Amino acid sequence: MQLPDLPESTLWSALIGAAGAAFSMAFIKDLTPAQKIVMVLAGTVISVLFTDPIVQFVDMPTNLKNGAAFLVGMFGWAISGSLLTMVRKADLWDLIIEIALSWFKRRGG
């Protein structure tokens, strides 16, 4: 099995994003070792996936991309964790019923 060829910028985004996620652990207490590993992996993945789009979206100079990767890795896991918590706390069944009822009301049902 051969590993895919990744651009050097993607590898740097992964490494710097992982460093950002690891750095942020200094400010969070009482994490288990498994939580620390997941946090660094999540920061790495989020950094690889979102650094380039964020840099392009805000029209950031490319020489600042590594700094953006660090920040995305540092804060990305927190944002994704908050989104997952929000989805878990949401009453999705009531939301689905409300969407279906509003759809039927518009259709005349």
C-alpha atoms as a PDB file:
ATOM      1  CA  MET A   1       0.000   0.000   0.000  1.00  0.00           C
ATOM      2  CA  GLN A   2       1.398   3.348  -1.025  1.00  0.00           C
ATOM      3  CA  LEU A   3       0.640   6.525   0.883  1.00  0.00           C
ATOM      4  CA  PRO A   4      -0.914   9.355  -1.127  1.00  0.00           C
ATOM      5  CA  ASP A   5       1.315  12.224  -2.176  1.00  0.00           C
ATOM      6  CA  LEU A   6       0.420  15.220  -0.047  1.00  0.00           C
ATOM      7  CA  PRO A   7       1.527  18.737  -0.834  1.00  0.00           C
ATOM      8  CA  GLU A   8       4.148  20.111   1.520  1.00  0.00           C
ATOM      9  CA  SER A   9       1.770  22.865   2.636  1.00  0.00           C
ATOM     10  CA  THR A  10      -0.751  20.231   3.788  1.00  0.00           C
ATOM     11  CA  LEU A  11       1.899  18.477   5.845  1.00  0.00           C
ATOM     12  CA  TRP A  12       2.908  21.780   7.439  1.00  0.00           C
ATOM     13  CA  SER A  13      -0.743  22.552   8.194  1.00  0.00           C
ATOM     14  CA  ALA A  14      -1.059  19.153   9.880  1.00  0.00           C
ATOM     15  CA  LEU A  15       2.072  19.564  11.989  1.00  0.00           C
ATOM     16  CA  ILE A  16       1.394  23.145  12.974  1.00  0.00           C
ATOM     17  CA  GLY A  17      -2.290  22.410  13.657  1.00  0.00           C
ATOM     18  CA  ALA A  18      -1.278  19.522  15.917  1.00  0.00           C
ATOM     19  CA  ALA A  19       1.102  21.860  17.750  1.00  0.00           C
ATOM     20  CA  GLY A  20      -1.724  24.380  18.196  1.00  0.00           C
ATOM     21  CA  ALA A  21      -4.046  21.714  19.604  1.00  0.00           C
ATOM     22  CA  ALA A  22      -1.302  20.439  21.918  1.00  0.00           C
ATOM     23  CA  PHE A  23      -0.573  24.000  23.060  1.00  0.00           C
ATOM     24  CA  SER A  24      -4.216  24.551  23.971  1.00  0.00           C
ATOM     25  CA  MET A  25      -4.135  21.557  26.332  1.00  0.00           C
ATOM     26  CA  ALA A  26      -2.095  23.653  28.757  1.00  0.00           C
ATOM     27  CA  PHE A  27      -5.251  25.645  29.485  1.00  0.00           C
ATOM     28  CA  ILE A  28      -7.600  22.701  30.021  1.00  0.00           C
ATOM     29  CA  LYS A  29      -7.384  20.693  33.206  1.00  0.00           C
ATOM     30  CA  ASP A  30      -8.480  17.147  34.040  1.00  0.00           C
ATOM     31  CA  LEU A  31      -8.223  15.618  30.572  1.00  0.00           C
ATOM     32  CA  THR A  32      -7.745  11.889  30.327  1.00  0.00           C
ATOM     33  CA  PRO A  33      -4.968  10.595  28.069  1.00  0.00           C
ATOM     34  CA  ALA A  34      -7.570   9.438  25.535  1.00  0.00           C
ATOM     35  CA  GLN A  35      -9.160  12.901  25.494  1.00  0.00           C
ATOM     36  CA  LYS A  36      -5.753  14.480  24.913  1.00  0.00           C
ATOM     37  CA  ILE A  37      -5.096  12.197  21.952  1.00  0.00           C
ATOM     38  CA  VAL A  38      -8.522  12.899  20.442  1.00  0.00           C
ATOM     39  CA  MET A  39      -8.010  16.623  20.975  1.00  0.00           C
ATOM     40  CA  VAL A  40      -4.695  16.659  19.113  1.00  0.00           C
ATOM     41  CA  LEU A  41      -6.071  14.468  16.310  1.00  0.00           C
ATOM     42  CA  ALA A  42      -9.150  16.676  15.948  1.00  0.00           C
ATOM     43  CA  GLY A  43      -7.017  19.821  15.862  1.00  0.00           C
ATOM     44  CA  THR A  44      -4.797  18.249  13.224  1.00  0.00           C
ATOM     45  CA  VAL A  45      -7.670  17.144  10.984  1.00  0.00           C
ATOM     46  CA  ILE A  46      -9.506  20.443  11.327  1.00  0.00           C
ATOM     47  CA  SER A  47      -6.319  22.342  10.543  1.00  0.00           C
ATOM     48  CA  VAL A  48      -5.700  20.307   7.387  1.00  0.00           C
ATOM     49  CA  LEU A  49      -9.289  20.657   6.199  1.00  0.00           C
ATOM     50  CA  PHE A  50      -9.952  24.301   7.010  1.00  0.00           C
ATOM     51  CA  THR A  51      -6.700  26.285   6.916  1.00  0.00           C
ATOM     52  CA  ASP A  52      -6.647  26.783   3.144  1.00  0.00           C
ATOM     53  CA  PRO A  53     -10.340  27.753   2.874  1.00  0.00           C
ATOM     54  CA  ILE A  54     -10.007  30.211   5.773  1.00  0.00           C
ATOM     55  CA  VAL A  55      -6.866  31.777   4.298  1.00  0.00           C
ATOM     56  CA  GLN A  56      -8.631  32.176   0.942  1.00  0.00           C
ATOM     57  CA  PHE A  57     -11.895  33.388   2.493  1.00  0.00           C
ATOM     58  CA  VAL A  58     -10.295  36.218   4.472  1.00  0.00           C
ATOM     59  CA  ASP A  59      -7.840  36.951   1.638  1.00  0.00           C
ATOM     60  CA  MET A  60      -4.884  36.437   3.957  1.00  0.00           C
ATOM     61  CA  PRO A  61      -1.342  36.675   2.579  1.00  0.00           C
ATOM     62  CA  THR A  62       0.039  33.186   2.015  1.00  0.00           C
ATOM     63  CA  ASN A  63       3.084  33.877   4.185  1.00  0.00           C
ATOM     64  CA  LEU A  64       0.709  33.949   7.201  1.00  0.00           C
ATOM     65  CA  LYS A  65      -0.752  30.519   6.444  1.00  0.00           C
ATOM     66  CA  ASN A  66       1.300  28.736   9.107  1.00  0.00           C
ATOM     67  CA  GLY A  67       0.025  31.111  11.777  1.00  0.00           C
ATOM     68  CA  ALA A  68      -3.522  30.483  10.600  1.00  0.00           C
ATOM     69  CA  ALA A  69      -2.905  26.723  10.767  1.00  0.00           C
ATOM     70  CA  PHE A  70      -1.742  27.075  14.382  1.00  0.00           C
ATOM     71  CA  LEU A  71      -4.839  29.060  15.350  1.00  0.00           C
ATOM     72  CA  VAL A  72      -7.186  26.723  13.482  1.00  0.00           C
ATOM     73  CA  GLY A  73      -5.617  23.736  15.251  1.00  0.00           C
ATOM     74  CA  MET A  74      -5.771  25.504  18.601  1.00  0.00           C
ATOM     75  CA  PHE A  75      -9.403  26.608  18.381  1.00  0.00           C
ATOM     76  CA  GLY A  76     -10.819  24.124  15.879  1.00  0.00           C
ATOM     77  CA  TRP A  77     -11.291  21.309  18.370  1.00  0.00           C
ATOM     78  CA  ALA A  78     -13.131  23.691  20.721  1.00  0.00           C
ATOM     79  CA  ILE A  79     -15.524  24.786  17.986  1.00  0.00           C
ATOM     80  CA  SER A  80     -16.181  21.222  16.855  1.00  0.00           C
ATOM     81  CA  GLY A  81     -16.696  20.113  20.458  1.00  0.00           C
ATOM     82  CA  SER A  82     -19.209  22.897  21.001  1.00  0.00           C
ATOM     83  CA  LEU A  83     -21.082  21.940  17.834  1.00  0.00           C
ATOM     84  CA  LEU A  84     -21.246  18.284  18.887  1.00  0.00           C
ATOM     85  CA  THR A  85     -22.532  19.256  22.334  1.00  0.00           C
ATOM     86  CA  MET A  86     -25.160  21.494  20.755  1.00  0.00           C
ATOM     87  CA  VAL A  87     -26.338  18.672  18.467  1.00  0.00           C
ATOM     88  CA  ARG A  88     -26.489  16.227  21.383  1.00  0.00           C
ATOM     89  CA  LYS A  89     -28.551  18.630  23.490  1.00  0.00           C
ATOM     90  CA  ALA A  90     -30.899  19.529  20.652  1.00  0.00           C
ATOM     91  CA  ASP A  91     -34.219  17.759  20.574  1.00  0.00           C
ATOM     92  CA  LEU A  92     -33.920  16.621  16.974  1.00  0.00           C
ATOM     93  CA  TRP A  93     -37.184  14.682  16.883  1.00  0.00           C
ATOM     94  CA  ASP A  94     -39.218  17.798  17.786  1.00  0.00           C
ATOM     95  CA  LEU A  95     -37.275  19.764  15.184  1.00  0.00           C
ATOM     96  CA  ILE A  96     -38.042  17.189  12.481  1.00  0.00           C
ATOM     97  CA  ILE A  97     -41.742  17.174  13.412  1.00  0.00           C
ATOM     98  CA  GLU A  98     -41.880  20.984  13.343  1.00  0.00           C
ATOM     99  CA  ILE A  99     -40.185  21.121   9.931  1.00  0.00           C
ATOM    100  CA  ALA A 100     -42.574  18.481   8.558  1.00  0.00           C
ATOM    101  CA  LEU A 101     -45.626  20.296   9.938  1.00  0.00           C
ATOM    102  CA  SER A 102     -44.518  23.630   8.501  1.00  0.00           C
ATOM    103  CA  TRP A 103     -43.899  21.939   5.137  1.00  0.00           C
ATOM    104  CA  PHE A 104     -47.380  20.424   5.134  1.00  0.00           C
ATOM    105  CA  LYS A 105     -48.963  23.760   6.103  1.00  0.00           C
ATOM    106  CA  ARG A 106     -47.304  25.449   3.137  1.00  0.00           C
ATOM    107  CA  ARG A 107     -48.460  22.686   0.813  1.00  0.00           C
ATOM    108  CA  GLY A 108     -52.047  23.164   1.953  1.00  0.00           C
ATOM    109  CA  GLY A 109     -52.235  19.961   4.038  1.00  0.00           C
END
